[in-house]
Amino acid sequence: MRCLVDAQLPPALARWLTSQGHEAEHVCDCGLLEGPDAAIWQHALDTQAVIVTMDADFAERRAIADGPVIIWVRFGNISKHELLKRFHEQLPVVVTFFEHGEVIIELR
């Protein structure tokens, strides 16, 4: 799975996803840290990446239009350590949903 991690999430998440065998970059890696949602959406389309985000706007857009798969992180305000721990616990389920064609995957 190729992932593009949005600005509300730490670059460490992209690094962790890479360590788990996925291709991942943070928006800061591709010059989109302060880019508009449309540019992030287009970059994900161009690179066939899943957008990993806390931004409901991406999930809402994907619900009504074709586009990249969205992993919508809904954990609230938690530490980086807790974020990575929850991703570690839920990544196998995320991958399964992705492989079965889900287009919006919510993490709670």
C-alpha atoms as a PDB file:
ATOM      1  CA  MET A   1       0.000   0.000   0.000  1.00  0.00           C
ATOM      2  CA  ARG A   2       1.315   3.432  -0.932  1.00  0.00           C
ATOM      3  CA  CYS A   3       0.382   6.189   1.544  1.00  0.00           C
ATOM      4  CA  LEU A   4       0.418   9.973   1.614  1.00  0.00           C
ATOM      5  CA  VAL A   5       0.247  11.204   5.216  1.00  0.00           C
ATOM      6  CA  ASP A   6      -1.520  14.540   5.653  1.00  0.00           C
ATOM      7  CA  ALA A   7      -0.235  17.530   7.630  1.00  0.00           C
ATOM      8  CA  GLN A   8      -2.242  16.956  10.835  1.00  0.00           C
ATOM      9  CA  LEU A   9      -0.342  13.722  11.370  1.00  0.00           C
ATOM     10  CA  PRO A  10       3.375  13.507  12.191  1.00  0.00           C
ATOM     11  CA  PRO A  11       6.055  12.594   9.650  1.00  0.00           C
ATOM     12  CA  ALA A  12       6.923   9.761  12.047  1.00  0.00           C
ATOM     13  CA  LEU A  13       3.758   7.981  10.896  1.00  0.00           C
ATOM     14  CA  ALA A  14       5.026   7.900   7.310  1.00  0.00           C
ATOM     15  CA  ARG A  15       8.379   6.582   8.516  1.00  0.00           C
ATOM     16  CA  TRP A  16       6.643   3.935  10.636  1.00  0.00           C
ATOM     17  CA  LEU A  17       4.452   2.824   7.710  1.00  0.00           C
ATOM     18  CA  THR A  18       7.615   2.475   5.618  1.00  0.00           C
ATOM     19  CA  SER A  19       9.180   0.342   8.347  1.00  0.00           C
ATOM     20  CA  GLN A  20       6.116  -1.920   8.111  1.00  0.00           C
ATOM     21  CA  GLY A  21       6.730  -2.581   4.431  1.00  0.00           C
ATOM     22  CA  HIS A  22       4.512   0.078   2.866  1.00  0.00           C
ATOM     23  CA  GLU A  23       5.555   2.993   0.684  1.00  0.00           C
ATOM     24  CA  ALA A  24       4.774   6.210   2.529  1.00  0.00           C
ATOM     25  CA  GLU A  25       5.562   9.874   2.395  1.00  0.00           C
ATOM     26  CA  HIS A  26       4.425  12.809   4.457  1.00  0.00           C
ATOM     27  CA  VAL A  27       3.099  15.908   2.700  1.00  0.00           C
ATOM     28  CA  CYS A  28       6.249  17.716   3.867  1.00  0.00           C
ATOM     29  CA  ASP A  29       8.330  15.227   1.843  1.00  0.00           C
ATOM     30  CA  CYS A  30       6.685  16.294  -1.407  1.00  0.00           C
ATOM     31  CA  GLY A  31       6.373  20.044  -0.852  1.00  0.00           C
ATOM     32  CA  LEU A  32       2.698  19.957   0.103  1.00  0.00           C
ATOM     33  CA  LEU A  33       2.885  20.742   3.824  1.00  0.00           C
ATOM     34  CA  GLU A  34       0.853  23.910   3.340  1.00  0.00           C
ATOM     35  CA  GLY A  35      -0.716  22.864   0.064  1.00  0.00           C
ATOM     36  CA  PRO A  36      -4.443  23.020  -0.543  1.00  0.00           C
ATOM     37  CA  ASP A  37      -6.519  19.866  -0.274  1.00  0.00           C
ATOM     38  CA  ALA A  38      -6.933  19.828  -4.060  1.00  0.00           C
ATOM     39  CA  ALA A  39      -3.161  19.584  -4.561  1.00  0.00           C
ATOM     40  CA  ILE A  40      -2.856  16.785  -1.995  1.00  0.00           C
ATOM     41  CA  TRP A  41      -5.772  14.945  -3.648  1.00  0.00           C
ATOM     42  CA  GLN A  42      -4.164  15.285  -7.069  1.00  0.00           C
ATOM     43  CA  HIS A  43      -0.748  14.142  -5.812  1.00  0.00           C
ATOM     44  CA  ALA A  44      -2.394  11.053  -4.299  1.00  0.00           C
ATOM     45  CA  LEU A  45      -4.134  10.347  -7.605  1.00  0.00           C
ATOM     46  CA  ASP A  46      -0.917  10.850  -9.579  1.00  0.00           C
ATOM     47  CA  THR A  47       1.072   8.520  -7.312  1.00  0.00           C
ATOM     48  CA  GLN A  48      -1.775   6.049  -6.633  1.00  0.00           C
ATOM     49  CA  ALA A  49      -1.474   6.740  -2.916  1.00  0.00           C
ATOM     50  CA  VAL A  50      -3.953   6.358  -0.109  1.00  0.00           C
ATOM     51  CA  ILE A  51      -4.464   9.626   1.799  1.00  0.00           C
ATOM     52  CA  VAL A  52      -4.002   9.134   5.552  1.00  0.00           C
ATOM     53  CA  THR A  53      -5.690  12.101   7.215  1.00  0.00           C
ATOM     54  CA  MET A  54      -7.602  13.480  10.160  1.00  0.00           C
ATOM     55  CA  ASP A  55      -9.401  15.898   7.826  1.00  0.00           C
ATOM     56  CA  ALA A  56     -13.084  15.051   7.372  1.00  0.00           C
ATOM     57  CA  ASP A  57     -13.086  17.057   4.126  1.00  0.00           C
ATOM     58  CA  PHE A  58     -11.191  14.289   2.317  1.00  0.00           C
ATOM     59  CA  ALA A  59     -13.639  11.600   3.490  1.00  0.00           C
ATOM     60  CA  GLU A  60     -16.614  13.752   2.556  1.00  0.00           C
ATOM     61  CA  ARG A  61     -15.167  14.441  -0.898  1.00  0.00           C
ATOM     62  CA  ARG A  62     -14.423  10.752  -1.469  1.00  0.00           C
ATOM     63  CA  ALA A  63     -17.966   9.814  -0.441  1.00  0.00           C
ATOM     64  CA  ILE A  64     -19.348  11.747  -3.422  1.00  0.00           C
ATOM     65  CA  ALA A  65     -16.578  11.509  -6.018  1.00  0.00           C
ATOM     66  CA  ASP A  66     -14.050   9.061  -7.400  1.00  0.00           C
ATOM     67  CA  GLY A  67     -10.551   9.537  -6.098  1.00  0.00           C
ATOM     68  CA  PRO A  68      -7.934   8.061  -3.827  1.00  0.00           C
ATOM     69  CA  VAL A  69      -8.700   5.742  -0.952  1.00  0.00           C
ATOM     70  CA  ILE A  70      -8.969   7.650   2.336  1.00  0.00           C
ATOM     71  CA  ILE A  71      -7.798   6.378   5.703  1.00  0.00           C
ATOM     72  CA  TRP A  72      -9.662   8.716   8.028  1.00  0.00           C
ATOM     73  CA  VAL A  73      -7.963   8.865  11.432  1.00  0.00           C
ATOM     74  CA  ARG A  74     -10.500   9.762  14.116  1.00  0.00           C
ATOM     75  CA  PHE A  75      -8.463   9.200  17.268  1.00  0.00           C
ATOM     76  CA  GLY A  76      -8.686  12.772  18.503  1.00  0.00           C
ATOM     77  CA  ASN A  77      -5.790  14.507  20.195  1.00  0.00           C
ATOM     78  CA  ILE A  78      -3.332  11.794  21.249  1.00  0.00           C
ATOM     79  CA  SER A  79       0.439  11.548  21.599  1.00  0.00           C
ATOM     80  CA  LYS A  80       2.650  10.389  18.750  1.00  0.00           C
ATOM     81  CA  HIS A  81       3.462   7.266  20.761  1.00  0.00           C
ATOM     82  CA  GLU A  82      -0.237   6.441  21.203  1.00  0.00           C
ATOM     83  CA  LEU A  83      -0.934   7.175  17.517  1.00  0.00           C
ATOM     84  CA  LEU A  84       1.749   4.721  16.394  1.00  0.00           C
ATOM     85  CA  LYS A  85       0.535   2.138  18.898  1.00  0.00           C
ATOM     86  CA  ARG A  86      -3.028   2.350  17.553  1.00  0.00           C
ATOM     87  CA  PHE A  87      -1.796   2.127  13.971  1.00  0.00           C
ATOM     88  CA  HIS A  88       0.216  -0.947  14.914  1.00  0.00           C
ATOM     89  CA  GLU A  89      -2.920  -2.550  16.351  1.00  0.00           C
ATOM     90  CA  GLN A  90      -5.213  -1.630  13.453  1.00  0.00           C
ATOM     91  CA  LEU A  91      -2.954  -1.835  10.384  1.00  0.00           C
ATOM     92  CA  PRO A  92      -3.785  -5.478   9.550  1.00  0.00           C
ATOM     93  CA  VAL A  93      -7.508  -4.613   9.412  1.00  0.00           C
ATOM     94  CA  VAL A  94      -6.794  -1.496   7.342  1.00  0.00           C
ATOM     95  CA  VAL A  95      -4.825  -3.537   4.818  1.00  0.00           C
ATOM     96  CA  THR A  96      -7.630  -6.103   4.610  1.00  0.00           C
ATOM     97  CA  PHE A  97     -10.234  -3.386   3.980  1.00  0.00           C
ATOM     98  CA  PHE A  98      -7.940  -1.818   1.374  1.00  0.00           C
ATOM     99  CA  GLU A  99      -7.444  -5.145  -0.386  1.00  0.00           C
ATOM    100  CA  HIS A 100     -11.221  -5.674  -0.467  1.00  0.00           C
ATOM    101  CA  GLY A 101     -11.802  -2.364  -2.220  1.00  0.00           C
ATOM    102  CA  GLU A 102     -13.027  -0.118   0.601  1.00  0.00           C
ATOM    103  CA  VAL A 103     -12.599   3.534  -0.359  1.00  0.00           C
ATOM    104  CA  ILE A 104     -13.017   5.187   3.075  1.00  0.00           C
ATOM    105  CA  ILE A 105     -11.475   3.393   6.034  1.00  0.00           C
ATOM    106  CA  GLU A 106     -12.172   4.956   9.431  1.00  0.00           C
ATOM    107  CA  LEU A 107      -9.839   4.416  12.353  1.00  0.00           C
ATOM    108  CA  ARG A 108     -11.289   5.079  15.804  1.00  0.00           C
END
